[in-house]
């Protein structure tokens, strides 16, 4: 049986299994998310350190290498880091055990560059994030650059590269990231 022959529920159950914990689906093909480099992980943790104290916990939650973002039934991805708006109750008391999947555009998705993931993230995942309509996509690179794609009011994206100073995510009011600390 191929992935294309599985139902959406069966695909999500497969991703929830212990063996498929870090499995993504790209164009209907299962792909295990590769391990990442030390510099990749350091940049992500430094970003987490800056985001956590600034995020309004009544409005947003941070996901770190967990859950999935989806575009259609053939593309499920596990971003390195992303911000999720809280909608409704945040209680887990009565939630069923199912795969956490976000279909709606998100305020911020981050995919840090790593030798094992760099090409796949940019060539395969980034175009899907843009098609999803996510507000802002970041790609920090351990060589001291942050490339951003920011959704404009006309639906197009403006790409820019940042090296020093601070940056404020467009959809996260009051959040300021210090790039000099991120790349120290």
C-alpha atoms as a PDB file:
ATOM      1  CA  UNK A   1       0.000   0.000   0.000  1.00  0.00           C
ATOM      2  CA  UNK A   2       1.359   3.443  -0.891  1.00  0.00           C
ATOM      3  CA  UNK A   3       0.880   6.671   1.034  1.00  0.00           C
ATOM      4  CA  UNK A   4      -1.451   7.869  -1.727  1.00  0.00           C
ATOM      5  CA  UNK A   5      -3.754   4.916  -0.956  1.00  0.00           C
ATOM      6  CA  UNK A   6      -4.008   5.770   2.741  1.00  0.00           C
ATOM      7  CA  UNK A   7      -6.793   7.919   4.127  1.00  0.00           C
ATOM      8  CA  UNK A   8      -6.011  11.221   5.814  1.00  0.00           C
ATOM      9  CA  UNK A   9      -6.767   9.606   9.180  1.00  0.00           C
ATOM     10  CA  UNK A  10      -4.410   6.698   8.435  1.00  0.00           C
ATOM     11  CA  UNK A  11      -1.605   9.082   7.415  1.00  0.00           C
ATOM     12  CA  UNK A  12      -2.030  11.055  10.639  1.00  0.00           C
ATOM     13  CA  UNK A  13      -2.049   7.826  12.694  1.00  0.00           C
ATOM     14  CA  UNK A  14       1.179   6.770  10.986  1.00  0.00           C
ATOM     15  CA  UNK A  15       2.770  10.117  11.880  1.00  0.00           C
ATOM     16  CA  UNK A  16       1.659   9.703  15.504  1.00  0.00           C
ATOM     17  CA  UNK A  17       3.238   6.278  15.854  1.00  0.00           C
ATOM     18  CA  UNK A  18       6.442   6.037  17.889  1.00  0.00           C
ATOM     19  CA  UNK A  19       8.470   5.185  14.791  1.00  0.00           C
ATOM     20  CA  UNK A  20       7.021   8.058  12.766  1.00  0.00           C
ATOM     21  CA  UNK A  21       7.393  10.768  15.372  1.00  0.00           C
ATOM     22  CA  UNK A  22       9.436  13.080  13.133  1.00  0.00           C
ATOM     23  CA  UNK A  23       7.898  12.096   9.812  1.00  0.00           C
ATOM     24  CA  UNK A  24       6.811  14.742   7.332  1.00  0.00           C
ATOM     25  CA  UNK A  25       4.750  14.312   4.194  1.00  0.00           C
ATOM     26  CA  UNK A  26       5.926  16.150   1.072  1.00  0.00           C
ATOM     27  CA  UNK A  27       3.897  15.816  -2.132  1.00  0.00           C
ATOM     28  CA  UNK A  28       2.405  12.608  -0.766  1.00  0.00           C
ATOM     29  CA  UNK A  29       5.770  11.039   0.083  1.00  0.00           C
ATOM     30  CA  UNK A  30       6.823  10.269   3.653  1.00  0.00           C
ATOM     31  CA  UNK A  31      10.137  11.779   4.664  1.00  0.00           C
ATOM     32  CA  UNK A  32      11.848  11.562   8.043  1.00  0.00           C
ATOM     33  CA  UNK A  33      13.022  14.911   9.317  1.00  0.00           C
ATOM     34  CA  UNK A  34      16.832  14.686   9.463  1.00  0.00           C
ATOM     35  CA  UNK A  35      18.975  15.393  12.492  1.00  0.00           C
ATOM     36  CA  UNK A  36      20.402  18.898  12.677  1.00  0.00           C
ATOM     37  CA  UNK A  37      23.780  20.436  13.419  1.00  0.00           C
ATOM     38  CA  UNK A  38      24.900  21.922  16.710  1.00  0.00           C
ATOM     39  CA  UNK A  39      24.958  25.461  15.276  1.00  0.00           C
ATOM     40  CA  UNK A  40      21.380  24.977  13.999  1.00  0.00           C
ATOM     41  CA  UNK A  41      20.221  23.958  17.458  1.00  0.00           C
ATOM     42  CA  UNK A  42      22.067  26.795  19.214  1.00  0.00           C
ATOM     43  CA  UNK A  43      20.442  29.409  16.955  1.00  0.00           C
ATOM     44  CA  UNK A  44      16.979  27.913  17.540  1.00  0.00           C
ATOM     45  CA  UNK A  45      17.465  27.829  21.334  1.00  0.00           C
ATOM     46  CA  UNK A  46      18.706  31.407  21.378  1.00  0.00           C
ATOM     47  CA  UNK A  47      15.633  32.429  19.434  1.00  0.00           C
ATOM     48  CA  UNK A  48      13.421  30.544  21.909  1.00  0.00           C
ATOM     49  CA  UNK A  49      15.191  32.329  24.792  1.00  0.00           C
ATOM     50  CA  UNK A  50      14.274  35.678  23.249  1.00  0.00           C
ATOM     51  CA  UNK A  51      10.722  34.798  22.162  1.00  0.00           C
ATOM     52  CA  UNK A  52       9.388  33.098  25.295  1.00  0.00           C
ATOM     53  CA  UNK A  53       9.537  36.063  27.693  1.00  0.00           C
ATOM     54  CA  UNK A  54       8.084  38.419  25.069  1.00  0.00           C
ATOM     55  CA  UNK A  55       5.144  36.396  23.727  1.00  0.00           C
ATOM     56  CA  UNK A  56       1.741  37.215  25.168  1.00  0.00           C
ATOM     57  CA  UNK A  57       0.856  33.815  26.687  1.00  0.00           C
ATOM     58  CA  UNK A  58      -2.845  34.633  26.528  1.00  0.00           C
ATOM     59  CA  UNK A  59      -2.595  35.018  22.739  1.00  0.00           C
ATOM     60  CA  UNK A  60       0.240  32.775  21.518  1.00  0.00           C
ATOM     61  CA  UNK A  61       2.022  29.481  22.077  1.00  0.00           C
ATOM     62  CA  UNK A  62       5.418  28.430  20.798  1.00  0.00           C
ATOM     63  CA  UNK A  63       5.996  25.071  19.110  1.00  0.00           C
ATOM     64  CA  UNK A  64       9.482  23.644  18.844  1.00  0.00           C
ATOM     65  CA  UNK A  65       9.903  20.695  16.485  1.00  0.00           C
ATOM     66  CA  UNK A  66       6.432  19.364  17.283  1.00  0.00           C
ATOM     67  CA  UNK A  67       3.026  19.216  15.668  1.00  0.00           C
ATOM     68  CA  UNK A  68       2.590  19.775  11.947  1.00  0.00           C
ATOM     69  CA  UNK A  69       1.610  22.549   9.593  1.00  0.00           C
ATOM     70  CA  UNK A  70      -0.339  21.349   6.595  1.00  0.00           C
ATOM     71  CA  UNK A  71      -1.166  22.532   3.108  1.00  0.00           C
ATOM     72  CA  UNK A  72      -3.687  20.232   1.521  1.00  0.00           C
ATOM     73  CA  UNK A  73      -3.602  16.501   2.123  1.00  0.00           C
ATOM     74  CA  UNK A  74      -0.142  15.885   0.641  1.00  0.00           C
ATOM     75  CA  UNK A  75       2.039  18.287   2.626  1.00  0.00           C
ATOM     76  CA  UNK A  76       2.627  18.028   6.387  1.00  0.00           C
ATOM     77  CA  UNK A  77       5.730  19.702   7.788  1.00  0.00           C
ATOM     78  CA  UNK A  78       7.407  19.987  11.187  1.00  0.00           C
ATOM     79  CA  UNK A  79       8.983  23.453  11.330  1.00  0.00           C
ATOM     80  CA  UNK A  80      11.932  23.937  13.651  1.00  0.00           C
ATOM     81  CA  UNK A  81       9.945  26.578  15.514  1.00  0.00           C
ATOM     82  CA  UNK A  82       6.593  28.288  14.997  1.00  0.00           C
ATOM     83  CA  UNK A  83       4.140  30.505  16.802  1.00  0.00           C
ATOM     84  CA  UNK A  84       0.489  29.481  17.131  1.00  0.00           C
ATOM     85  CA  UNK A  85      -2.347  31.854  18.016  1.00  0.00           C
ATOM     86  CA  UNK A  86      -4.554  30.573  20.840  1.00  0.00           C
ATOM     87  CA  UNK A  87      -8.121  30.262  19.658  1.00  0.00           C
ATOM     88  CA  UNK A  88     -10.749  29.342  22.214  1.00  0.00           C
ATOM     89  CA  UNK A  89     -10.025  27.191  25.243  1.00  0.00           C
ATOM     90  CA  UNK A  90      -6.455  26.059  25.842  1.00  0.00           C
ATOM     91  CA  UNK A  91      -7.567  23.113  28.010  1.00  0.00           C
ATOM     92  CA  UNK A  92      -6.299  19.659  27.082  1.00  0.00           C
ATOM     93  CA  UNK A  93      -8.610  17.907  29.541  1.00  0.00           C
ATOM     94  CA  UNK A  94     -11.150  16.750  26.926  1.00  0.00           C
ATOM     95  CA  UNK A  95      -9.045  16.727  23.770  1.00  0.00           C
ATOM     96  CA  UNK A  96      -8.781  13.449  21.884  1.00  0.00           C
ATOM     97  CA  UNK A  97      -5.398  11.906  21.200  1.00  0.00           C
ATOM     98  CA  UNK A  98      -4.835  13.056  17.649  1.00  0.00           C
ATOM     99  CA  UNK A  99      -2.076  14.565  15.586  1.00  0.00           C
ATOM    100  CA  UNK A 100      -1.662  18.299  16.143  1.00  0.00           C
ATOM    101  CA  UNK A 101      -2.080  19.897  12.715  1.00  0.00           C
ATOM    102  CA  UNK A 102      -2.406  23.562  11.778  1.00  0.00           C
ATOM    103  CA  UNK A 103      -4.047  24.460   8.476  1.00  0.00           C
ATOM    104  CA  UNK A 104      -4.480  28.187   9.034  1.00  0.00           C
ATOM    105  CA  UNK A 105      -1.681  30.665   8.248  1.00  0.00           C
ATOM    106  CA  UNK A 106       0.557  31.237  11.253  1.00  0.00           C
ATOM    107  CA  UNK A 107       2.233  34.432  12.487  1.00  0.00           C
ATOM    108  CA  UNK A 108       5.793  33.064  12.342  1.00  0.00           C
ATOM    109  CA  UNK A 109       7.532  29.932  11.058  1.00  0.00           C
ATOM    110  CA  UNK A 110      11.275  29.423  11.505  1.00  0.00           C
ATOM    111  CA  UNK A 111      13.458  26.909   9.657  1.00  0.00           C
ATOM    112  CA  UNK A 112      17.110  27.295  10.671  1.00  0.00           C
ATOM    113  CA  UNK A 113      19.702  26.384   8.073  1.00  0.00           C
ATOM    114  CA  UNK A 114      21.613  23.178   8.674  1.00  0.00           C
ATOM    115  CA  UNK A 115      23.780  21.161   6.277  1.00  0.00           C
ATOM    116  CA  UNK A 116      21.300  18.265   6.566  1.00  0.00           C
ATOM    117  CA  UNK A 117      18.141  20.332   5.963  1.00  0.00           C
ATOM    118  CA  UNK A 118      19.162  23.536   4.143  1.00  0.00           C
ATOM    119  CA  UNK A 119      18.289  22.578   0.573  1.00  0.00           C
ATOM    120  CA  UNK A 120      15.092  20.749   1.464  1.00  0.00           C
ATOM    121  CA  UNK A 121      13.854  23.589   3.686  1.00  0.00           C
ATOM    122  CA  UNK A 122      14.407  26.251   1.027  1.00  0.00           C
ATOM    123  CA  UNK A 123      13.551  24.280  -2.116  1.00  0.00           C
ATOM    124  CA  UNK A 124      10.630  22.203  -0.852  1.00  0.00           C
ATOM    125  CA  UNK A 125       9.181  23.541   2.409  1.00  0.00           C
ATOM    126  CA  UNK A 126       9.523  27.316   1.902  1.00  0.00           C
ATOM    127  CA  UNK A 127       7.346  27.399  -1.265  1.00  0.00           C
ATOM    128  CA  UNK A 128       4.641  25.487   0.615  1.00  0.00           C
ATOM    129  CA  UNK A 129       4.759  27.906   3.561  1.00  0.00           C
ATOM    130  CA  UNK A 130       4.388  30.794   1.121  1.00  0.00           C
ATOM    131  CA  UNK A 131       1.380  29.092  -0.503  1.00  0.00           C
ATOM    132  CA  UNK A 132      -0.141  28.531   2.970  1.00  0.00           C
ATOM    133  CA  UNK A 133      -0.074  32.291   3.504  1.00  0.00           C
ATOM    134  CA  UNK A 134       1.962  32.266   6.714  1.00  0.00           C
ATOM    135  CA  UNK A 135       2.601  35.874   7.789  1.00  0.00           C
ATOM    136  CA  UNK A 136       6.344  35.581   8.181  1.00  0.00           C
ATOM    137  CA  UNK A 137       8.933  32.881   7.494  1.00  0.00           C
ATOM    138  CA  UNK A 138      12.466  33.144   8.890  1.00  0.00           C
ATOM    139  CA  UNK A 139      15.605  31.260   7.956  1.00  0.00           C
ATOM    140  CA  UNK A 140      18.437  31.996  10.376  1.00  0.00           C
ATOM    141  CA  UNK A 141      21.821  30.848   9.146  1.00  0.00           C
ATOM    142  CA  UNK A 142      24.718  30.254  11.497  1.00  0.00           C
ATOM    143  CA  UNK A 143      26.871  32.429   9.229  1.00  0.00           C
ATOM    144  CA  UNK A 144      25.175  35.410  10.878  1.00  0.00           C
ATOM    145  CA  UNK A 145      22.249  36.126   8.569  1.00  0.00           C
ATOM    146  CA  UNK A 146      18.498  36.021   8.990  1.00  0.00           C
ATOM    147  CA  UNK A 147      16.536  35.813   5.757  1.00  0.00           C
ATOM    148  CA  UNK A 148      12.883  36.767   6.117  1.00  0.00           C
ATOM    149  CA  UNK A 149       9.859  36.444   3.883  1.00  0.00           C
ATOM    150  CA  UNK A 150       7.095  38.794   5.014  1.00  0.00           C
ATOM    151  CA  UNK A 151       3.577  38.640   3.606  1.00  0.00           C
ATOM    152  CA  UNK A 152       2.464  42.007   2.258  1.00  0.00           C
ATOM    153  CA  UNK A 153      -1.096  43.352   2.131  1.00  0.00           C
ATOM    154  CA  UNK A 154      -1.379  42.300  -1.544  1.00  0.00           C
ATOM    155  CA  UNK A 155      -0.534  38.674  -0.619  1.00  0.00           C
ATOM    156  CA  UNK A 156       2.952  38.812  -2.113  1.00  0.00           C
ATOM    157  CA  UNK A 157       6.088  38.271  -0.022  1.00  0.00           C
ATOM    158  CA  UNK A 158       8.985  40.651   0.471  1.00  0.00           C
ATOM    159  CA  UNK A 159      12.286  38.894   1.107  1.00  0.00           C
ATOM    160  CA  UNK A 160      15.067  40.611   3.033  1.00  0.00           C
ATOM    161  CA  UNK A 161      18.342  39.684   4.697  1.00  0.00           C
ATOM    162  CA  UNK A 162      19.293  40.963   8.158  1.00  0.00           C
ATOM    163  CA  UNK A 163      22.708  40.724   9.792  1.00  0.00           C
ATOM    164  CA  UNK A 164      22.762  42.979  12.875  1.00  0.00           C
ATOM    165  CA  UNK A 165      20.481  45.063  15.031  1.00  0.00           C
ATOM    166  CA  UNK A 166      16.935  44.083  15.911  1.00  0.00           C
ATOM    167  CA  UNK A 167      13.935  42.769  14.031  1.00  0.00           C
ATOM    168  CA  UNK A 168      10.257  42.857  14.975  1.00  0.00           C
ATOM    169  CA  UNK A 169       8.023  40.085  13.616  1.00  0.00           C
ATOM    170  CA  UNK A 170       5.144  41.774  11.762  1.00  0.00           C
ATOM    171  CA  UNK A 171       2.405  39.634  13.337  1.00  0.00           C
ATOM    172  CA  UNK A 172       3.728  39.552  16.909  1.00  0.00           C
ATOM    173  CA  UNK A 173       3.162  42.968  18.505  1.00  0.00           C
ATOM    174  CA  UNK A 174       5.762  43.984  21.057  1.00  0.00           C
ATOM    175  CA  UNK A 175       8.262  41.251  20.177  1.00  0.00           C
ATOM    176  CA  UNK A 176      11.800  42.357  19.319  1.00  0.00           C
ATOM    177  CA  UNK A 177      14.601  39.939  18.439  1.00  0.00           C
ATOM    178  CA  UNK A 178      18.217  41.012  18.948  1.00  0.00           C
ATOM    179  CA  UNK A 179      20.219  39.562  16.055  1.00  0.00           C
ATOM    180  CA  UNK A 180      23.564  40.377  17.662  1.00  0.00           C
ATOM    181  CA  UNK A 181      22.587  38.149  20.634  1.00  0.00           C
ATOM    182  CA  UNK A 182      21.140  35.501  18.313  1.00  0.00           C
ATOM    183  CA  UNK A 183      24.396  35.188  16.371  1.00  0.00           C
ATOM    184  CA  UNK A 184      26.854  35.844  19.222  1.00  0.00           C
END
